[in-house]
Amino acid sequence: MPVPDELPRIGAPATRALAGIGVTRLSQLTEHRAEELLKLHGMGTRAIAILRQALADQGLSLRDDT
């Protein structure tokens, strides 16, 4: 079972892309918009969908999903 604030498995390129902007925890994603994240090299729509679901499971959302 994943730790509540841990990033889900989204693939190494997407994880590196998030780390590159200082995002290492799920809760930090609430400060970012999907449009912004999709511009990161290595981040795709599949990773965004996984992140959105993980956020929703914790009662959180991306900044533009509120």
C-alpha atoms as a PDB file:
ATOM      1  CA  MET A   1       0.000   0.000   0.000  1.00  0.00           C
ATOM      2  CA  PRO A   2       1.454   3.423  -0.946  1.00  0.00           C
ATOM      3  CA  VAL A   3       2.260   6.061   1.646  1.00  0.00           C
ATOM      4  CA  PRO A   4      -0.459   8.768   1.454  1.00  0.00           C
ATOM      5  CA  ASP A   5       1.818  11.616   0.352  1.00  0.00           C
ATOM      6  CA  GLU A   6       4.092   9.500  -1.838  1.00  0.00           C
ATOM      7  CA  LEU A   7       4.066  10.004  -5.601  1.00  0.00           C
ATOM      8  CA  PRO A   8       2.487   7.078  -7.450  1.00  0.00           C
ATOM      9  CA  ARG A   9       4.429   5.065 -10.016  1.00  0.00           C
ATOM     10  CA  ILE A  10       4.275   7.182 -13.164  1.00  0.00           C
ATOM     11  CA  GLY A  11       7.489   6.140 -14.833  1.00  0.00           C
ATOM     12  CA  ALA A  12      11.040   7.355 -14.422  1.00  0.00           C
ATOM     13  CA  PRO A  13      10.939  10.198 -16.990  1.00  0.00           C
ATOM     14  CA  ALA A  14       7.815  11.727 -15.440  1.00  0.00           C
ATOM     15  CA  THR A  15       9.175  11.286 -11.916  1.00  0.00           C
ATOM     16  CA  ARG A  16      12.433  12.993 -12.936  1.00  0.00           C
ATOM     17  CA  ALA A  17      10.444  15.804 -14.561  1.00  0.00           C
ATOM     18  CA  LEU A  18       8.598  16.428 -11.303  1.00  0.00           C
ATOM     19  CA  ALA A  19      11.803  16.270  -9.273  1.00  0.00           C
ATOM     20  CA  GLY A  20      13.259  18.836 -11.657  1.00  0.00           C
ATOM     21  CA  ILE A  21      10.657  21.358 -10.515  1.00  0.00           C
ATOM     22  CA  GLY A  22      11.000  20.376  -6.864  1.00  0.00           C
ATOM     23  CA  VAL A  23       7.961  18.103  -6.609  1.00  0.00           C
ATOM     24  CA  THR A  24       8.752  15.012  -4.564  1.00  0.00           C
ATOM     25  CA  ARG A  25       5.456  14.595  -2.695  1.00  0.00           C
ATOM     26  CA  LEU A  26       1.898  14.202  -3.938  1.00  0.00           C
ATOM     27  CA  SER A  27       0.628  17.152  -1.878  1.00  0.00           C
ATOM     28  CA  GLN A  28       3.050  19.476  -3.682  1.00  0.00           C
ATOM     29  CA  LEU A  29       1.130  18.909  -6.919  1.00  0.00           C
ATOM     30  CA  THR A  30      -1.798  20.979  -5.647  1.00  0.00           C
ATOM     31  CA  GLU A  31       0.274  24.070  -6.474  1.00  0.00           C
ATOM     32  CA  HIS A  32       0.578  23.105 -10.156  1.00  0.00           C
ATOM     33  CA  ARG A  33      -1.741  23.020 -13.175  1.00  0.00           C
ATOM     34  CA  ALA A  34      -1.959  20.092 -15.591  1.00  0.00           C
ATOM     35  CA  GLU A  35      -1.136  22.412 -18.502  1.00  0.00           C
ATOM     36  CA  GLU A  36       2.118  23.399 -16.792  1.00  0.00           C
ATOM     37  CA  LEU A  37       3.041  19.795 -15.948  1.00  0.00           C
ATOM     38  CA  LEU A  38       2.384  18.573 -19.491  1.00  0.00           C
ATOM     39  CA  LYS A  39       5.039  20.982 -20.763  1.00  0.00           C
ATOM     40  CA  LEU A  40       7.696  19.103 -18.785  1.00  0.00           C
ATOM     41  CA  HIS A  41       9.901  16.748 -20.772  1.00  0.00           C
ATOM     42  CA  GLY A  42       8.897  13.213 -19.820  1.00  0.00           C
ATOM     43  CA  MET A  43       5.404  14.078 -18.589  1.00  0.00           C
ATOM     44  CA  GLY A  44       2.455  12.766 -20.573  1.00  0.00           C
ATOM     45  CA  THR A  45      -1.302  12.474 -20.339  1.00  0.00           C
ATOM     46  CA  ARG A  46      -1.080   8.985 -18.810  1.00  0.00           C
ATOM     47  CA  ALA A  47       1.092  10.272 -15.962  1.00  0.00           C
ATOM     48  CA  ILE A  48      -1.293  13.202 -15.414  1.00  0.00           C
ATOM     49  CA  ALA A  49      -4.252  10.797 -15.209  1.00  0.00           C
ATOM     50  CA  ILE A  50      -2.424   8.649 -12.638  1.00  0.00           C
ATOM     51  CA  LEU A  51      -1.496  11.727 -10.614  1.00  0.00           C
ATOM     52  CA  ARG A  52      -5.062  13.070 -10.733  1.00  0.00           C
ATOM     53  CA  GLN A  53      -6.406   9.741  -9.448  1.00  0.00           C
ATOM     54  CA  ALA A  54      -3.827   9.582  -6.655  1.00  0.00           C
ATOM     55  CA  LEU A  55      -4.677  13.150  -5.663  1.00  0.00           C
ATOM     56  CA  ALA A  56      -8.422  12.415  -5.733  1.00  0.00           C
ATOM     57  CA  ASP A  57      -7.862   9.368  -3.524  1.00  0.00           C
ATOM     58  CA  GLN A  58      -6.406  11.782  -0.929  1.00  0.00           C
ATOM     59  CA  GLY A  59      -9.125  14.408  -1.387  1.00  0.00           C
ATOM     60  CA  LEU A  60      -6.730  16.683  -3.286  1.00  0.00           C
ATOM     61  CA  SER A  61      -6.522  18.000  -6.842  1.00  0.00           C
ATOM     62  CA  LEU A  62      -4.282  19.849  -9.252  1.00  0.00           C
ATOM     63  CA  ARG A  63      -4.636  23.645  -9.122  1.00  0.00           C
ATOM     64  CA  ASP A  64      -6.813  23.776 -12.255  1.00  0.00           C
ATOM     65  CA  ASP A  65      -9.027  20.871 -11.185  1.00  0.00           C
ATOM     66  CA  THR A  66     -10.568  22.595  -8.164  1.00  0.00           C
END
